[in-house]
């Protein structure tokens, strides 16, 4: 049975299985120009001096500001349920995960 979308303001969003799996990132590098913001999501592993960008998102300044607002709203909602998110002091690169450095 097919349901017709009668609301012209509704956006149907498709999420493929591959994208739904997600990509882990523990570092984001943000740069900008006068016309765009670029967010590179990186996975840094302990004891490995090289890391790869796993995903790059390019946004207009307006969308970057909307993302900032939406993220702040969601963090606030999360903290109201789960308590304050503790921040660690400035993490250096390469990141130290608190364990011994791997050796071969």
PDB file of N, CA and C in Angstrom:
ATOM      1  N   UNK A   1       0.851  -1.188   0.000  1.00  0.00           N
ATOM      2  CA  UNK A   1       0.000   0.000   0.000  1.00  0.00           C
ATOM      3  C   UNK A   1       0.882   1.231   0.000  1.00  0.00           C
ATOM      4  N   UNK A   2       0.610   2.145  -0.883  1.00  0.00           N
ATOM      5  CA  UNK A   2       1.398   3.363  -0.999  1.00  0.00           C
ATOM      6  C   UNK A   2       0.638   4.506  -0.345  1.00  0.00           C
ATOM      7  N   UNK A   3       1.332   5.244   0.481  1.00  0.00           N
ATOM      8  CA  UNK A   3       0.702   6.384   1.146  1.00  0.00           C
ATOM      9  C   UNK A   3       1.187   7.655   0.458  1.00  0.00           C
ATOM     10  N   UNK A   4       0.251   8.470   0.020  1.00  0.00           N
ATOM     11  CA  UNK A   4       0.607   9.700  -0.669  1.00  0.00           C
ATOM     12  C   UNK A   4       0.867  10.802   0.357  1.00  0.00           C
ATOM     13  N   UNK A   5       1.922  11.551   0.133  1.00  0.00           N
ATOM     14  CA  UNK A   5       2.270  12.654   1.013  1.00  0.00           C
ATOM     15  C   UNK A   5       1.441  13.868   0.613  1.00  0.00           C
ATOM     16  N   UNK A   6       0.482  14.244   1.463  1.00  0.00           N
ATOM     17  CA  UNK A   6      -0.389  15.375   1.148  1.00  0.00           C
ATOM     18  C   UNK A   6       0.095  16.676   1.774  1.00  0.00           C
ATOM     19  N   UNK A   7       1.142  16.620   2.573  1.00  0.00           N
ATOM     20  CA  UNK A   7       1.680  17.819   3.212  1.00  0.00           C
ATOM     21  C   UNK A   7       2.874  18.319   2.403  1.00  0.00           C
ATOM     22  N   UNK A   8       2.723  19.451   1.702  1.00  0.00           N
ATOM     23  CA  UNK A   8       3.823  19.944   0.859  1.00  0.00           C
ATOM     24  C   UNK A   8       5.028  20.422   1.675  1.00  0.00           C
ATOM     25  N   UNK A   9       4.866  20.651   2.973  1.00  0.00           N
ATOM     26  CA  UNK A   9       5.963  21.112   3.817  1.00  0.00           C
ATOM     27  C   UNK A   9       6.730  19.966   4.469  1.00  0.00           C
ATOM     28  N   UNK A  10       6.340  18.734   4.211  1.00  0.00           N
ATOM     29  CA  UNK A  10       7.002  17.576   4.798  1.00  0.00           C
ATOM     30  C   UNK A  10       8.131  17.118   3.887  1.00  0.00           C
ATOM     31  N   UNK A  11       9.275  16.816   4.476  1.00  0.00           N
ATOM     32  CA  UNK A  11      10.431  16.346   3.730  1.00  0.00           C
ATOM     33  C   UNK A  11      10.654  14.878   4.048  1.00  0.00           C
ATOM     34  N   UNK A  12      10.663  14.041   3.020  1.00  0.00           N
ATOM     35  CA  UNK A  12      10.959  12.631   3.204  1.00  0.00           C
ATOM     36  C   UNK A  12      12.462  12.443   3.085  1.00  0.00           C
ATOM     37  N   UNK A  13      13.080  11.883   4.113  1.00  0.00           N
ATOM     38  CA  UNK A  13      14.525  11.695   4.144  1.00  0.00           C
ATOM     39  C   UNK A  13      14.832  10.214   4.081  1.00  0.00           C
ATOM     40  N   UNK A  14      15.704   9.833   3.159  1.00  0.00           N
ATOM     41  CA  UNK A  14      16.100   8.437   3.004  1.00  0.00           C
ATOM     42  C   UNK A  14      17.434   8.219   3.713  1.00  0.00           C
ATOM     43  N   UNK A  15      17.518   7.144   4.471  1.00  0.00           N
ATOM     44  CA  UNK A  15      18.739   6.786   5.185  1.00  0.00           C
ATOM     45  C   UNK A  15      19.160   5.397   4.733  1.00  0.00           C
ATOM     46  N   UNK A  16      20.249   5.332   3.964  1.00  0.00           N
ATOM     47  CA  UNK A  16      20.710   4.036   3.473  1.00  0.00           C
ATOM     48  C   UNK A  16      21.295   3.234   4.624  1.00  0.00           C
ATOM     49  N   UNK A  17      21.352   1.916   4.448  1.00  0.00           N
ATOM     50  CA  UNK A  17      21.890   1.036   5.490  1.00  0.00           C
ATOM     51  C   UNK A  17      23.354   1.367   5.780  1.00  0.00           C
ATOM     52  N   UNK A  18      24.117   1.670   4.737  1.00  0.00           N
ATOM     53  CA  UNK A  18      25.539   1.997   4.902  1.00  0.00           C
ATOM     54  C   UNK A  18      25.727   3.266   5.749  1.00  0.00           C
ATOM     55  N   UNK A  19      24.953   4.291   5.462  1.00  0.00           N
ATOM     56  CA  UNK A  19      25.057   5.542   6.217  1.00  0.00           C
ATOM     57  C   UNK A  19      24.509   5.358   7.624  1.00  0.00           C
ATOM     58  N   UNK A  20      23.474   4.547   7.789  1.00  0.00           N
ATOM     59  CA  UNK A  20      22.863   4.317   9.100  1.00  0.00           C
ATOM     60  C   UNK A  20      23.837   3.665  10.071  1.00  0.00           C
ATOM     61  N   UNK A  21      24.822   2.914   9.563  1.00  0.00           N
ATOM     62  CA  UNK A  21      25.829   2.303  10.428  1.00  0.00           C
ATOM     63  C   UNK A  21      26.670   3.356  11.137  1.00  0.00           C
ATOM     64  N   UNK A  22      26.806   4.521  10.559  1.00  0.00           N
ATOM     65  CA  UNK A  22      27.552   5.603  11.172  1.00  0.00           C
ATOM     66  C   UNK A  22      29.052   5.450  11.011  1.00  0.00           C
ATOM     67  N   UNK A  23      29.768   6.503  11.347  1.00  0.00           N
ATOM     68  CA  UNK A  23      31.221   6.522  11.317  1.00  0.00           C
ATOM     69  C   UNK A  23      31.700   7.108  12.631  1.00  0.00           C
ATOM     70  N   UNK A  24      32.560   6.378  13.338  1.00  0.00           N
ATOM     71  CA  UNK A  24      33.063   6.847  14.627  1.00  0.00           C
ATOM     72  C   UNK A  24      34.097   7.945  14.413  1.00  0.00           C
ATOM     73  N   UNK A  25      34.022   8.980  15.230  1.00  0.00           N
ATOM     74  CA  UNK A  25      34.989  10.070  15.205  1.00  0.00           C
ATOM     75  C   UNK A  25      35.228  10.534  16.628  1.00  0.00           C
ATOM     76  N   UNK A  26      36.497  10.797  16.962  1.00  0.00           N
ATOM     77  CA  UNK A  26      36.804  11.345  18.279  1.00  0.00           C
ATOM     78  C   UNK A  26      37.581  12.649  18.172  1.00  0.00           C
ATOM     79  N   UNK A  27      37.586  13.235  16.977  1.00  0.00           N
ATOM     80  CA  UNK A  27      38.222  14.526  16.751  1.00  0.00           C
ATOM     81  C   UNK A  27      37.534  15.209  15.585  1.00  0.00           C
ATOM     82  N   UNK A  28      37.216  16.473  15.738  1.00  0.00           N
ATOM     83  CA  UNK A  28      36.658  17.260  14.640  1.00  0.00           C
ATOM     84  C   UNK A  28      37.555  18.474  14.432  1.00  0.00           C
ATOM     85  N   UNK A  29      37.902  18.719  13.180  1.00  0.00           N
ATOM     86  CA  UNK A  29      38.712  19.882  12.824  1.00  0.00           C
ATOM     87  C   UNK A  29      37.820  20.794  11.992  1.00  0.00           C
ATOM     88  N   UNK A  30      37.669  22.031  12.444  1.00  0.00           N
ATOM     89  CA  UNK A  30      36.750  22.955  11.788  1.00  0.00           C
ATOM     90  C   UNK A  30      37.528  24.115  11.192  1.00  0.00           C
ATOM     91  N   UNK A  31      37.311  24.363   9.903  1.00  0.00           N
ATOM     92  CA  UNK A  31      37.897  25.517   9.225  1.00  0.00           C
ATOM     93  C   UNK A  31      36.769  26.247   8.503  1.00  0.00           C
ATOM     94  N   UNK A  32      37.053  27.480   8.103  1.00  0.00           N
ATOM     95  CA  UNK A  32      36.015  28.228   7.393  1.00  0.00           C
ATOM     96  C   UNK A  32      36.629  29.250   6.441  1.00  0.00           C
ATOM     97  N   UNK A  33      35.832  29.619   5.457  1.00  0.00           N
ATOM     98  CA  UNK A  33      36.139  30.725   4.563  1.00  0.00           C
ATOM     99  C   UNK A  33      34.990  31.712   4.695  1.00  0.00           C
ATOM    100  N   UNK A  34      34.946  32.695   3.828  1.00  0.00           N
ATOM    101  CA  UNK A  34      33.836  33.651   3.917  1.00  0.00           C
ATOM    102  C   UNK A  34      32.516  33.050   3.445  1.00  0.00           C
ATOM    103  N   UNK A  35      32.562  31.897   2.762  1.00  0.00           N
ATOM    104  CA  UNK A  35      31.332  31.339   2.209  1.00  0.00           C
ATOM    105  C   UNK A  35      30.968  29.947   2.709  1.00  0.00           C
ATOM    106  N   UNK A  36      31.880  29.284   3.483  1.00  0.00           N
ATOM    107  CA  UNK A  36      31.558  27.939   3.933  1.00  0.00           C
ATOM    108  C   UNK A  36      32.339  27.556   5.180  1.00  0.00           C
ATOM    109  N   UNK A  37      31.766  26.601   5.920  1.00  0.00           N
ATOM    110  CA  UNK A  37      32.428  25.967   7.050  1.00  0.00           C
ATOM    111  C   UNK A  37      32.712  24.532   6.634  1.00  0.00           C
ATOM    112  N   UNK A  38      33.906  24.038   6.965  1.00  0.00           N
ATOM    113  CA  UNK A  38      34.285  22.668   6.645  1.00  0.00           C
ATOM    114  C   UNK A  38      34.589  21.963   7.964  1.00  0.00           C
ATOM    115  N   UNK A  39      33.898  20.847   8.204  1.00  0.00           N
ATOM    116  CA  UNK A  39      34.137  20.057   9.409  1.00  0.00           C
ATOM    117  C   UNK A  39      34.672  18.704   8.969  1.00  0.00           C
ATOM    118  N   UNK A  40      35.911  18.419   9.356  1.00  0.00           N
ATOM    119  CA  UNK A  40      36.526  17.123   9.088  1.00  0.00           C
ATOM    120  C   UNK A  40      36.429  16.282  10.352  1.00  0.00           C
ATOM    121  N   UNK A  41      35.819  15.112  10.226  1.00  0.00           N
ATOM    122  CA  UNK A  41      35.690  14.188  11.342  1.00  0.00           C
ATOM    123  C   UNK A  41      36.786  13.127  11.209  1.00  0.00           C
ATOM    124  N   UNK A  42      37.582  12.972  12.287  1.00  0.00           N
ATOM    125  CA  UNK A  42      38.772  12.133  12.274  1.00  0.00           C
ATOM    126  C   UNK A  42      38.659  11.072  13.364  1.00  0.00           C
ATOM    127  N   UNK A  43      39.204   9.894  13.092  1.00  0.00           N
ATOM    128  CA  UNK A  43      39.315   8.859  14.124  1.00  0.00           C
ATOM    129  C   UNK A  43      40.794   8.732  14.473  1.00  0.00           C
ATOM    130  N   UNK A  44      41.129   9.087  15.723  1.00  0.00           N
ATOM    131  CA  UNK A  44      42.494   9.005  16.223  1.00  0.00           C
ATOM    132  C   UNK A  44      42.578   7.777  17.116  1.00  0.00           C
ATOM    133  N   UNK A  45      43.584   6.937  16.888  1.00  0.00           N
ATOM    134  CA  UNK A  45      43.754   5.729  17.687  1.00  0.00           C
ATOM    135  C   UNK A  45      44.986   5.867  18.576  1.00  0.00           C
ATOM    136  N   UNK A  46      44.938   5.294  19.781  1.00  0.00           N
ATOM    137  CA  UNK A  46      46.058   5.417  20.712  1.00  0.00           C
ATOM    138  C   UNK A  46      47.328   4.788  20.143  1.00  0.00           C
ATOM    139  N   UNK A  47      48.441   5.503  20.319  1.00  0.00           N
ATOM    140  CA  UNK A  47      49.731   4.991  19.897  1.00  0.00           C
ATOM    141  C   UNK A  47      49.965   5.040  18.403  1.00  0.00           C
ATOM    142  N   UNK A  48      49.030   5.576  17.640  1.00  0.00           N
ATOM    143  CA  UNK A  48      49.178   5.664  16.188  1.00  0.00           C
ATOM    144  C   UNK A  48      49.359   7.138  15.828  1.00  0.00           C
ATOM    145  N   UNK A  49      50.519   7.511  15.299  1.00  0.00           N
ATOM    146  CA  UNK A  49      50.794   8.929  15.038  1.00  0.00           C
ATOM    147  C   UNK A  49      50.090   9.487  13.801  1.00  0.00           C
ATOM    148  N   UNK A  50      49.419   8.641  13.022  1.00  0.00           N
ATOM    149  CA  UNK A  50      48.748   9.095  11.812  1.00  0.00           C
ATOM    150  C   UNK A  50      47.259   8.786  11.923  1.00  0.00           C
ATOM    151  N   UNK A  51      46.427   9.731  11.507  1.00  0.00           N
ATOM    152  CA  UNK A  51      44.979   9.540  11.544  1.00  0.00           C
ATOM    153  C   UNK A  51      44.394   9.967  10.211  1.00  0.00           C
ATOM    154  N   UNK A  52      43.250   9.377   9.865  1.00  0.00           N
ATOM    155  CA  UNK A  52      42.595   9.695   8.599  1.00  0.00           C
ATOM    156  C   UNK A  52      41.288  10.433   8.839  1.00  0.00           C
ATOM    157  N   UNK A  53      41.004  11.361   7.949  1.00  0.00           N
ATOM    158  CA  UNK A  53      39.689  11.993   7.944  1.00  0.00           C
ATOM    159  C   UNK A  53      38.701  10.929   7.481  1.00  0.00           C
ATOM    160  N   UNK A  54      37.672  10.676   8.293  1.00  0.00           N
ATOM    161  CA  UNK A  54      36.673   9.656   7.971  1.00  0.00           C
ATOM    162  C   UNK A  54      35.474  10.247   7.233  1.00  0.00           C
ATOM    163  N   UNK A  55      35.232  11.542   7.450  1.00  0.00           N
ATOM    164  CA  UNK A  55      34.097  12.184   6.800  1.00  0.00           C
ATOM    165  C   UNK A  55      34.327  13.694   6.789  1.00  0.00           C
ATOM    166  N   UNK A  56      33.891  14.352   5.736  1.00  0.00           N
ATOM    167  CA  UNK A  56      33.987  15.815   5.634  1.00  0.00           C
ATOM    168  C   UNK A  56      32.594  16.346   5.332  1.00  0.00           C
ATOM    169  N   UNK A  57      32.172  17.337   6.116  1.00  0.00           N
ATOM    170  CA  UNK A  57      30.879  17.988   5.917  1.00  0.00           C
ATOM    171  C   UNK A  57      31.150  19.460   5.599  1.00  0.00           C
ATOM    172  N   UNK A  58      30.534  19.958   4.536  1.00  0.00           N
ATOM    173  CA  UNK A  58      30.696  21.350   4.128  1.00  0.00           C
ATOM    174  C   UNK A  58      29.344  22.037   4.291  1.00  0.00           C
ATOM    175  N   UNK A  59      29.340  23.148   5.027  1.00  0.00           N
ATOM    176  CA  UNK A  59      28.107  23.867   5.361  1.00  0.00           C
ATOM    177  C   UNK A  59      28.208  25.335   4.982  1.00  0.00           C
ATOM    178  N   UNK A  60      27.064  25.940   4.675  1.00  0.00           N
ATOM    179  CA  UNK A  60      27.028  27.395   4.549  1.00  0.00           C
ATOM    180  C   UNK A  60      27.142  27.984   5.955  1.00  0.00           C
ATOM    181  N   UNK A  61      27.554  29.248   6.092  1.00  0.00           N
ATOM    182  CA  UNK A  61      27.596  29.856   7.430  1.00  0.00           C
ATOM    183  C   UNK A  61      26.244  29.794   8.147  1.00  0.00           C
ATOM    184  N   UNK A  62      25.150  29.959   7.409  1.00  0.00           N
ATOM    185  CA  UNK A  62      23.820  29.907   8.014  1.00  0.00           C
ATOM    186  C   UNK A  62      23.528  28.511   8.566  1.00  0.00           C
ATOM    187  N   UNK A  63      23.876  27.483   7.816  1.00  0.00           N
ATOM    188  CA  UNK A  63      23.641  26.121   8.296  1.00  0.00           C
ATOM    189  C   UNK A  63      24.578  25.766   9.444  1.00  0.00           C
ATOM    190  N   UNK A  64      25.793  26.310   9.434  1.00  0.00           N
ATOM    191  CA  UNK A  64      26.717  26.076  10.546  1.00  0.00           C
ATOM    192  C   UNK A  64      26.136  26.657  11.835  1.00  0.00           C
ATOM    193  N   UNK A  65      25.540  27.840  11.738  1.00  0.00           N
ATOM    194  CA  UNK A  65      24.944  28.457  12.921  1.00  0.00           C
ATOM    195  C   UNK A  65      23.720  27.674  13.391  1.00  0.00           C
ATOM    196  N   UNK A  66      22.931  27.142  12.459  1.00  0.00           N
ATOM    197  CA  UNK A  66      21.786  26.303  12.828  1.00  0.00           C
ATOM    198  C   UNK A  66      22.252  25.012  13.505  1.00  0.00           C
ATOM    199  N   UNK A  67      23.352  24.431  12.991  1.00  0.00           N
ATOM    200  CA  UNK A  67      23.916  23.226  13.597  1.00  0.00           C
ATOM    201  C   UNK A  67      24.382  23.523  15.017  1.00  0.00           C
ATOM    202  N   UNK A  68      25.063  24.645  15.210  1.00  0.00           N
ATOM    203  CA  UNK A  68      25.512  25.053  16.541  1.00  0.00           C
ATOM    204  C   UNK A  68      24.332  25.152  17.507  1.00  0.00           C
ATOM    205  N   UNK A  69      23.254  25.782  17.072  1.00  0.00           N
ATOM    206  CA  UNK A  69      22.066  25.945  17.911  1.00  0.00           C
ATOM    207  C   UNK A  69      21.413  24.594  18.210  1.00  0.00           C
ATOM    208  N   UNK A  70      21.277  23.750  17.197  1.00  0.00           N
ATOM    209  CA  UNK A  70      20.648  22.441  17.385  1.00  0.00           C
ATOM    210  C   UNK A  70      21.495  21.556  18.294  1.00  0.00           C
ATOM    211  N   UNK A  71      22.815  21.612  18.142  1.00  0.00           N
ATOM    212  CA  UNK A  71      23.701  20.818  18.992  1.00  0.00           C
ATOM    213  C   UNK A  71      23.636  21.304  20.440  1.00  0.00           C
ATOM    214  N   UNK A  72      23.647  22.619  20.652  1.00  0.00           N
ATOM    215  CA  UNK A  72      23.530  23.168  22.004  1.00  0.00           C
ATOM    216  C   UNK A  72      22.210  22.742  22.646  1.00  0.00           C
ATOM    217  N   UNK A  73      21.125  22.779  21.886  1.00  0.00           N
ATOM    218  CA  UNK A  73      19.816  22.370  22.392  1.00  0.00           C
ATOM    219  C   UNK A  73      19.822  20.889  22.783  1.00  0.00           C
ATOM    220  N   UNK A  74      20.416  20.050  21.952  1.00  0.00           N
ATOM    221  CA  UNK A  74      20.456  18.617  22.238  1.00  0.00           C
ATOM    222  C   UNK A  74      21.367  18.292  23.410  1.00  0.00           C
ATOM    223  N   UNK A  75      22.492  18.984  23.545  1.00  0.00           N
ATOM    224  CA  UNK A  75      23.376  18.773  24.705  1.00  0.00           C
ATOM    225  C   UNK A  75      22.638  19.165  25.981  1.00  0.00           C
ATOM    226  N   UNK A  76      21.911  20.270  25.940  1.00  0.00           N
ATOM    227  CA  UNK A  76      21.138  20.715  27.103  1.00  0.00           C
ATOM    228  C   UNK A  76      20.088  19.672  27.494  1.00  0.00           C
ATOM    229  N   UNK A  77      19.386  19.123  26.511  1.00  0.00           N
ATOM    230  CA  UNK A  77      18.380  18.097  26.786  1.00  0.00           C
ATOM    231  C   UNK A  77      19.030  16.830  27.345  1.00  0.00           C
ATOM    232  N   UNK A  78      20.172  16.438  26.784  1.00  0.00           N
ATOM    233  CA  UNK A  78      20.906  15.260  27.267  1.00  0.00           C
ATOM    234  C   UNK A  78      21.309  15.462  28.728  1.00  0.00           C
ATOM    235  N   UNK A  79      21.881  16.635  29.041  1.00  0.00           N
ATOM    236  CA  UNK A  79      22.354  16.897  30.401  1.00  0.00           C
ATOM    237  C   UNK A  79      21.203  16.987  31.392  1.00  0.00           C
ATOM    238  N   UNK A  80      20.024  17.416  30.959  1.00  0.00           N
ATOM    239  CA  UNK A  80      18.889  17.476  31.877  1.00  0.00           C
ATOM    240  C   UNK A  80      18.445  16.076  32.298  1.00  0.00           C
ATOM    241  N   UNK A  81      18.710  15.070  31.471  1.00  0.00           N
ATOM    242  CA  UNK A  81      18.351  13.687  31.778  1.00  0.00           C
ATOM    243  C   UNK A  81      19.507  12.934  32.429  1.00  0.00           C
ATOM    244  N   UNK A  82      20.720  13.114  31.901  1.00  0.00           N
ATOM    245  CA  UNK A  82      21.866  12.292  32.303  1.00  0.00           C
ATOM    246  C   UNK A  82      22.889  13.014  33.183  1.00  0.00           C
ATOM    247  N   UNK A  83      22.710  14.287  33.431  1.00  0.00           N
ATOM    248  CA  UNK A  83      23.676  15.037  34.221  1.00  0.00           C
ATOM    249  C   UNK A  83      24.716  15.711  33.333  1.00  0.00           C
ATOM    250  N   UNK A  84      25.494  16.557  33.960  1.00  0.00           N
ATOM    251  CA  UNK A  84      26.476  17.365  33.248  1.00  0.00           C
ATOM    252  C   UNK A  84      27.535  16.491  32.557  1.00  0.00           C
ATOM    253  N   UNK A  85      27.868  16.850  31.338  1.00  0.00           N
ATOM    254  CA  UNK A  85      28.934  16.176  30.594  1.00  0.00           C
ATOM    255  C   UNK A  85      30.252  16.778  31.063  1.00  0.00           C
ATOM    256  N   UNK A  86      31.143  15.939  31.561  1.00  0.00           N
ATOM    257  CA  UNK A  86      32.432  16.418  32.047  1.00  0.00           C
ATOM    258  C   UNK A  86      33.382  16.596  30.880  1.00  0.00           C
ATOM    259  N   UNK A  87      34.050  17.740  30.864  1.00  0.00           N
ATOM    260  CA  UNK A  87      35.029  18.005  29.821  1.00  0.00           C
ATOM    261  C   UNK A  87      36.426  17.727  30.356  1.00  0.00           C
ATOM    262  N   UNK A  88      37.262  17.174  29.491  1.00  0.00           N
ATOM    263  CA  UNK A  88      38.649  16.977  29.864  1.00  0.00           C
ATOM    264  C   UNK A  88      39.430  18.225  29.494  1.00  0.00           C
ATOM    265  N   UNK A  89      40.536  18.429  30.156  1.00  0.00           N
ATOM    266  CA  UNK A  89      41.399  19.564  29.822  1.00  0.00           C
ATOM    267  C   UNK A  89      41.910  19.375  28.405  1.00  0.00           C
ATOM    268  N   UNK A  90      42.360  20.420  27.771  1.00  0.00           N
ATOM    269  CA  UNK A  90      42.829  20.375  26.390  1.00  0.00           C
ATOM    270  C   UNK A  90      43.589  19.107  26.059  1.00  0.00           C
ATOM    271  N   UNK A  91      43.088  18.361  25.106  1.00  0.00           N
ATOM    272  CA  UNK A  91      43.708  17.107  24.699  1.00  0.00           C
ATOM    273  C   UNK A  91      44.698  17.404  23.591  1.00  0.00           C
ATOM    274  N   UNK A  92      45.923  16.916  23.753  1.00  0.00           N
ATOM    275  CA  UNK A  92      46.942  17.130  22.740  1.00  0.00           C
ATOM    276  C   UNK A  92      46.811  16.131  21.608  1.00  0.00           C
ATOM    277  N   UNK A  93      47.496  16.412  20.541  1.00  0.00           N
ATOM    278  CA  UNK A  93      47.535  15.487  19.410  1.00  0.00           C
ATOM    279  C   UNK A  93      48.970  15.016  19.273  1.00  0.00           C
ATOM    280  N   UNK A  94      49.304  13.726  19.223  1.00  0.00           N
ATOM    281  CA  UNK A  94      48.315  12.657  19.233  1.00  0.00           C
ATOM    282  C   UNK A  94      47.659  12.530  20.596  1.00  0.00           C
ATOM    283  N   UNK A  95      46.423  12.072  20.602  1.00  0.00           N
ATOM    284  CA  UNK A  95      45.646  11.959  21.826  1.00  0.00           C
ATOM    285  C   UNK A  95      46.202  10.856  22.708  1.00  0.00           C
ATOM    286  N   UNK A  96      46.197  11.092  24.000  1.00  0.00           N
ATOM    287  CA  UNK A  96      46.623  10.091  24.960  1.00  0.00           C
ATOM    288  C   UNK A  96      45.369   9.511  25.594  1.00  0.00           C
ATOM    289  N   UNK A  97      45.150   8.218  25.430  1.00  0.00           N
ATOM    290  CA  UNK A  97      43.943   7.582  25.946  1.00  0.00           C
ATOM    291  C   UNK A  97      44.152   7.028  27.357  1.00  0.00           C
ATOM    292  N   UNK A  98      45.256   7.384  28.000  1.00  0.00           N
ATOM    293  CA  UNK A  98      45.461   7.005  29.374  1.00  0.00           C
ATOM    294  C   UNK A  98      46.105   5.647  29.571  1.00  0.00           C
ATOM    295  N   UNK A  99      46.310   4.899  28.527  1.00  0.00           N
ATOM    296  CA  UNK A  99      46.937   3.588  28.639  1.00  0.00           C
ATOM    297  C   UNK A  99      48.364   3.626  28.143  1.00  0.00           C
ATOM    298  N   UNK A 100      49.023   2.502  28.210  1.00  0.00           N
ATOM    299  CA  UNK A 100      50.404   2.462  27.719  1.00  0.00           C
ATOM    300  C   UNK A 100      50.449   2.610  26.202  1.00  0.00           C
ATOM    301  N   UNK A 101      51.561   3.129  25.696  1.00  0.00           N
ATOM    302  CA  UNK A 101      51.724   3.261  24.266  1.00  0.00           C
ATOM    303  C   UNK A 101      51.959   1.888  23.665  1.00  0.00           C
ATOM    304  N   UNK A 102      51.267   1.624  22.580  1.00  0.00           N
ATOM    305  CA  UNK A 102      51.393   0.311  21.925  1.00  0.00           C
ATOM    306  C   UNK A 102      52.782   0.130  21.342  1.00  0.00           C
ATOM    307  N   UNK A 103      53.286  -1.078  21.406  1.00  0.00           N
ATOM    308  CA  UNK A 103      54.578  -1.404  20.822  1.00  0.00           C
ATOM    309  C   UNK A 103      54.442  -2.680  20.023  1.00  0.00           C
ATOM    310  N   UNK A 104      55.234  -2.764  18.938  1.00  0.00           N
ATOM    311  CA  UNK A 104      55.188  -3.976  18.109  1.00  0.00           C
ATOM    312  C   UNK A 104      56.260  -4.941  18.544  1.00  0.00           C
TER     313      UNK A 104
END
